[in-house]
Amino acid sequence: MKNLFLILILALTLNASADFKKGFNAAQRGDYKTALKEYEAAAAQGDINAKLVLGGLYYYGTGVTQDYQQSMDWYKQAAEQQDPDAEYEIGLMYAEGLGVEQDLAQAKQWLQKALNNQQSLDTLIEDAQQVWEKYTLYNY
């Protein structure tokens, strides 16, 4: 799951704000203090990708103290912008009772919301096409 999170961060950098990219570069260097500052700056400007990554950083405790409540807060901010990945993560957290009291009805609601979010499929296709073109995968 942690590898999936890292792949997600890489995919998000394709269409990212300057602060987000600075955060990503800092995280790559292992400078999580700077990364956190840059991601928070990007999130304050409404960068949905930064909110999603911040949720993941707190979920896994990457460069910060693991804090499921903080993770949930960031995921909910991203979900307010209709982010299907955040909706999915919120559903999982409700199912497992991480950062919130376990609530399977809420888990079902959030997971259905993620599944029904057309942006999910559109984003996945768009991201896959960008990676395909960036690495000229048609040559392999």
C-alpha atoms as a PDB file:
ATOM      1  CA  MET A   1       0.000   0.000   0.000  1.00  0.00           C
ATOM      2  CA  LYS A   2       2.866   2.380   0.787  1.00  0.00           C
ATOM      3  CA  ASN A   3       4.294   1.796  -2.717  1.00  0.00           C
ATOM      4  CA  LEU A   4       0.907   2.650  -4.188  1.00  0.00           C
ATOM      5  CA  PHE A   5       0.986   5.902  -2.219  1.00  0.00           C
ATOM      6  CA  LEU A   6       4.418   6.757  -3.659  1.00  0.00           C
ATOM      7  CA  ILE A   7       3.236   5.983  -7.193  1.00  0.00           C
ATOM      8  CA  LEU A   8       0.218   8.210  -6.599  1.00  0.00           C
ATOM      9  CA  ILE A   9       2.468  11.069  -5.507  1.00  0.00           C
ATOM     10  CA  LEU A  10       4.572  10.637  -8.653  1.00  0.00           C
ATOM     11  CA  ALA A  11       1.478  10.701 -10.862  1.00  0.00           C
ATOM     12  CA  LEU A  12       0.180  13.808  -9.127  1.00  0.00           C
ATOM     13  CA  THR A  13       3.365  15.725  -9.895  1.00  0.00           C
ATOM     14  CA  LEU A  14       2.501  15.703 -13.594  1.00  0.00           C
ATOM     15  CA  ASN A  15      -0.123  18.446 -13.123  1.00  0.00           C
ATOM     16  CA  ALA A  16       1.047  20.039  -9.914  1.00  0.00           C
ATOM     17  CA  SER A  17       1.466  23.550  -8.557  1.00  0.00           C
ATOM     18  CA  ALA A  18       4.922  25.012  -7.949  1.00  0.00           C
ATOM     19  CA  ASP A  19       4.576  24.557  -4.171  1.00  0.00           C
ATOM     20  CA  PHE A  20       3.496  20.959  -4.672  1.00  0.00           C
ATOM     21  CA  LYS A  21       6.523  20.278  -6.871  1.00  0.00           C
ATOM     22  CA  LYS A  22       8.821  21.884  -4.293  1.00  0.00           C
ATOM     23  CA  GLY A  23       7.257  19.638  -1.667  1.00  0.00           C
ATOM     24  CA  PHE A  24       7.715  16.567  -3.834  1.00  0.00           C
ATOM     25  CA  ASN A  25      11.362  17.429  -4.513  1.00  0.00           C
ATOM     26  CA  ALA A  26      12.004  18.011  -0.803  1.00  0.00           C
ATOM     27  CA  ALA A  27      10.398  14.673   0.064  1.00  0.00           C
ATOM     28  CA  GLN A  28      12.563  12.942  -2.538  1.00  0.00           C
ATOM     29  CA  ARG A  29      15.619  14.359  -0.747  1.00  0.00           C
ATOM     30  CA  GLY A  30      14.245  13.157   2.586  1.00  0.00           C
ATOM     31  CA  ASP A  31      13.648  16.737   3.751  1.00  0.00           C
ATOM     32  CA  TYR A  32      10.167  16.148   5.116  1.00  0.00           C
ATOM     33  CA  LYS A  33      10.112  19.356   7.153  1.00  0.00           C
ATOM     34  CA  THR A  34      10.378  21.398   3.947  1.00  0.00           C
ATOM     35  CA  ALA A  35       8.068  19.017   2.096  1.00  0.00           C
ATOM     36  CA  LEU A  36       5.379  19.441   4.732  1.00  0.00           C
ATOM     37  CA  LYS A  37       5.690  23.236   4.592  1.00  0.00           C
ATOM     38  CA  GLU A  38       5.423  23.276   0.778  1.00  0.00           C
ATOM     39  CA  TYR A  39       2.517  20.820   0.671  1.00  0.00           C
ATOM     40  CA  GLU A  40       0.684  22.887   3.291  1.00  0.00           C
ATOM     41  CA  ALA A  41       1.294  26.053   1.250  1.00  0.00           C
ATOM     42  CA  ALA A  42      -0.074  24.340  -1.855  1.00  0.00           C
ATOM     43  CA  ALA A  43      -3.077  23.026   0.090  1.00  0.00           C
ATOM     44  CA  ALA A  44      -3.797  26.522   1.423  1.00  0.00           C
ATOM     45  CA  GLN A  45      -4.048  27.647  -2.213  1.00  0.00           C
ATOM     46  CA  GLY A  46      -6.606  24.911  -2.881  1.00  0.00           C
ATOM     47  CA  ASP A  47      -4.262  22.338  -4.427  1.00  0.00           C
ATOM     48  CA  ILE A  48      -6.281  19.135  -4.185  1.00  0.00           C
ATOM     49  CA  ASN A  49      -3.216  16.973  -4.814  1.00  0.00           C
ATOM     50  CA  ALA A  50      -1.390  18.536  -1.872  1.00  0.00           C
ATOM     51  CA  LYS A  51      -4.365  17.802   0.380  1.00  0.00           C
ATOM     52  CA  LEU A  52      -4.379  14.196  -0.757  1.00  0.00           C
ATOM     53  CA  VAL A  53      -0.636  13.800  -0.188  1.00  0.00           C
ATOM     54  CA  LEU A  54      -0.856  15.418   3.249  1.00  0.00           C
ATOM     55  CA  GLY A  55      -3.554  12.896   4.110  1.00  0.00           C
ATOM     56  CA  GLY A  56      -1.205  10.118   3.069  1.00  0.00           C
ATOM     57  CA  LEU A  57       1.779  11.521   4.953  1.00  0.00           C
ATOM     58  CA  TYR A  58      -0.200  11.588   8.187  1.00  0.00           C
ATOM     59  CA  TYR A  59      -1.803   8.205   7.485  1.00  0.00           C
ATOM     60  CA  TYR A  60       1.543   6.459   7.058  1.00  0.00           C
ATOM     61  CA  GLY A  61       3.563   8.694   9.381  1.00  0.00           C
ATOM     62  CA  THR A  62       5.960   9.607   6.586  1.00  0.00           C
ATOM     63  CA  GLY A  63       8.098  12.477   7.833  1.00  0.00           C
ATOM     64  CA  VAL A  64       5.493  13.320  10.483  1.00  0.00           C
ATOM     65  CA  THR A  65       4.061  11.626  13.537  1.00  0.00           C
ATOM     66  CA  GLN A  66       1.376   9.210  12.373  1.00  0.00           C
ATOM     67  CA  ASP A  67      -1.968  10.853  13.059  1.00  0.00           C
ATOM     68  CA  TYR A  68      -5.110   9.297  11.616  1.00  0.00           C
ATOM     69  CA  GLN A  69      -7.264  12.261  12.654  1.00  0.00           C
ATOM     70  CA  GLN A  70      -5.005  14.682  10.727  1.00  0.00           C
ATOM     71  CA  SER A  71      -5.058  12.255   7.823  1.00  0.00           C
ATOM     72  CA  MET A  72      -8.854  12.166   7.854  1.00  0.00           C
ATOM     73  CA  ASP A  73      -9.016  15.966   8.026  1.00  0.00           C
ATOM     74  CA  TRP A  74      -6.828  16.341   4.919  1.00  0.00           C
ATOM     75  CA  TYR A  75      -8.691  13.612   3.038  1.00  0.00           C
ATOM     76  CA  LYS A  76     -12.005  15.316   3.846  1.00  0.00           C
ATOM     77  CA  GLN A  77     -10.694  18.612   2.484  1.00  0.00           C
ATOM     78  CA  ALA A  78      -9.727  16.853  -0.753  1.00  0.00           C
ATOM     79  CA  ALA A  79     -13.092  15.065  -0.852  1.00  0.00           C
ATOM     80  CA  GLU A  80     -14.848  18.440  -0.615  1.00  0.00           C
ATOM     81  CA  GLN A  81     -13.277  19.069  -4.028  1.00  0.00           C
ATOM     82  CA  GLN A  82     -14.706  15.778  -5.335  1.00  0.00           C
ATOM     83  CA  ASP A  83     -11.415  13.854  -5.242  1.00  0.00           C
ATOM     84  CA  PRO A  84     -12.232  10.147  -5.697  1.00  0.00           C
ATOM     85  CA  ASP A  85      -8.985   8.947  -4.107  1.00  0.00           C
ATOM     86  CA  ALA A  86      -9.770  10.933  -0.961  1.00  0.00           C
ATOM     87  CA  GLU A  87     -13.325   9.580  -0.946  1.00  0.00           C
ATOM     88  CA  TYR A  88     -11.919   6.058  -1.162  1.00  0.00           C
ATOM     89  CA  GLU A  89      -9.414   6.648   1.659  1.00  0.00           C
ATOM     90  CA  ILE A  90     -12.140   8.105   3.879  1.00  0.00           C
ATOM     91  CA  GLY A  91     -14.253   5.025   3.221  1.00  0.00           C
ATOM     92  CA  LEU A  92     -11.397   2.754   4.249  1.00  0.00           C
ATOM     93  CA  MET A  93     -10.730   4.768   7.385  1.00  0.00           C
ATOM     94  CA  TYR A  94     -14.387   4.546   8.424  1.00  0.00           C
ATOM     95  CA  ALA A  95     -14.366   0.801   7.715  1.00  0.00           C
ATOM     96  CA  GLU A  96     -11.260   0.281   9.843  1.00  0.00           C
ATOM     97  CA  GLY A  97     -12.049   2.893  12.499  1.00  0.00           C
ATOM     98  CA  LEU A  98      -8.868   4.889  11.893  1.00  0.00           C
ATOM     99  CA  GLY A  99      -9.095   8.513  13.036  1.00  0.00           C
ATOM    100  CA  VAL A 100     -12.820   8.051  13.519  1.00  0.00           C
ATOM    101  CA  GLU A 101     -15.097   5.611  15.249  1.00  0.00           C
ATOM    102  CA  GLN A 102     -15.697   2.596  13.016  1.00  0.00           C
ATOM    103  CA  ASP A 103     -18.870   3.227  11.031  1.00  0.00           C
ATOM    104  CA  LEU A 104     -19.629   0.764   8.266  1.00  0.00           C
ATOM    105  CA  ALA A 105     -22.594   2.787   7.007  1.00  0.00           C
ATOM    106  CA  GLN A 106     -20.289   5.795   6.508  1.00  0.00           C
ATOM    107  CA  ALA A 107     -17.678   3.514   4.943  1.00  0.00           C
ATOM    108  CA  LYS A 108     -20.239   2.257   2.443  1.00  0.00           C
ATOM    109  CA  GLN A 109     -21.395   5.801   1.647  1.00  0.00           C
ATOM    110  CA  TRP A 110     -17.861   7.085   1.001  1.00  0.00           C
ATOM    111  CA  LEU A 111     -16.793   4.041  -1.019  1.00  0.00           C
ATOM    112  CA  GLN A 112     -19.915   4.280  -3.181  1.00  0.00           C
ATOM    113  CA  LYS A 113     -19.226   7.976  -3.674  1.00  0.00           C
ATOM    114  CA  ALA A 114     -15.704   7.133  -4.860  1.00  0.00           C
ATOM    115  CA  LEU A 115     -16.981   4.421  -7.189  1.00  0.00           C
ATOM    116  CA  ASN A 116     -19.600   6.718  -8.682  1.00  0.00           C
ATOM    117  CA  ASN A 117     -17.180   9.596  -9.134  1.00  0.00           C
ATOM    118  CA  GLN A 118     -16.660   9.849 -12.899  1.00  0.00           C
ATOM    119  CA  GLN A 119     -13.589  11.971 -12.248  1.00  0.00           C
ATOM    120  CA  SER A 120     -11.934   8.817 -10.902  1.00  0.00           C
ATOM    121  CA  LEU A 121     -11.985   7.037 -14.241  1.00  0.00           C
ATOM    122  CA  ASP A 122     -11.292  10.182 -16.240  1.00  0.00           C
ATOM    123  CA  THR A 123      -8.322  11.067 -14.037  1.00  0.00           C
ATOM    124  CA  LEU A 124      -6.936   7.551 -14.170  1.00  0.00           C
ATOM    125  CA  ILE A 125      -7.128   7.501 -17.967  1.00  0.00           C
ATOM    126  CA  GLU A 126      -5.572  10.964 -18.243  1.00  0.00           C
ATOM    127  CA  ASP A 127      -2.747  10.110 -15.826  1.00  0.00           C
ATOM    128  CA  ALA A 128      -2.057   6.825 -17.598  1.00  0.00           C
ATOM    129  CA  GLN A 129      -1.892   8.610 -20.961  1.00  0.00           C
ATOM    130  CA  GLN A 130       0.564  11.173 -19.589  1.00  0.00           C
ATOM    131  CA  VAL A 131       2.827   8.479 -18.166  1.00  0.00           C
ATOM    132  CA  TRP A 132       2.508   6.509 -21.422  1.00  0.00           C
ATOM    133  CA  GLU A 133       3.614   9.523 -23.456  1.00  0.00           C
ATOM    134  CA  LYS A 134       6.265  10.744 -21.021  1.00  0.00           C
ATOM    135  CA  TYR A 135       8.081   7.414 -21.068  1.00  0.00           C
ATOM    136  CA  THR A 136       7.148   6.584 -24.684  1.00  0.00           C
ATOM    137  CA  LEU A 137       5.790   3.231 -23.568  1.00  0.00           C
ATOM    138  CA  TYR A 138       4.563   2.501 -27.076  1.00  0.00           C
ATOM    139  CA  ASN A 139       8.210   1.631 -27.853  1.00  0.00           C
ATOM    140  CA  TYR A 140       8.168  -1.331 -25.463  1.00  0.00           C
END
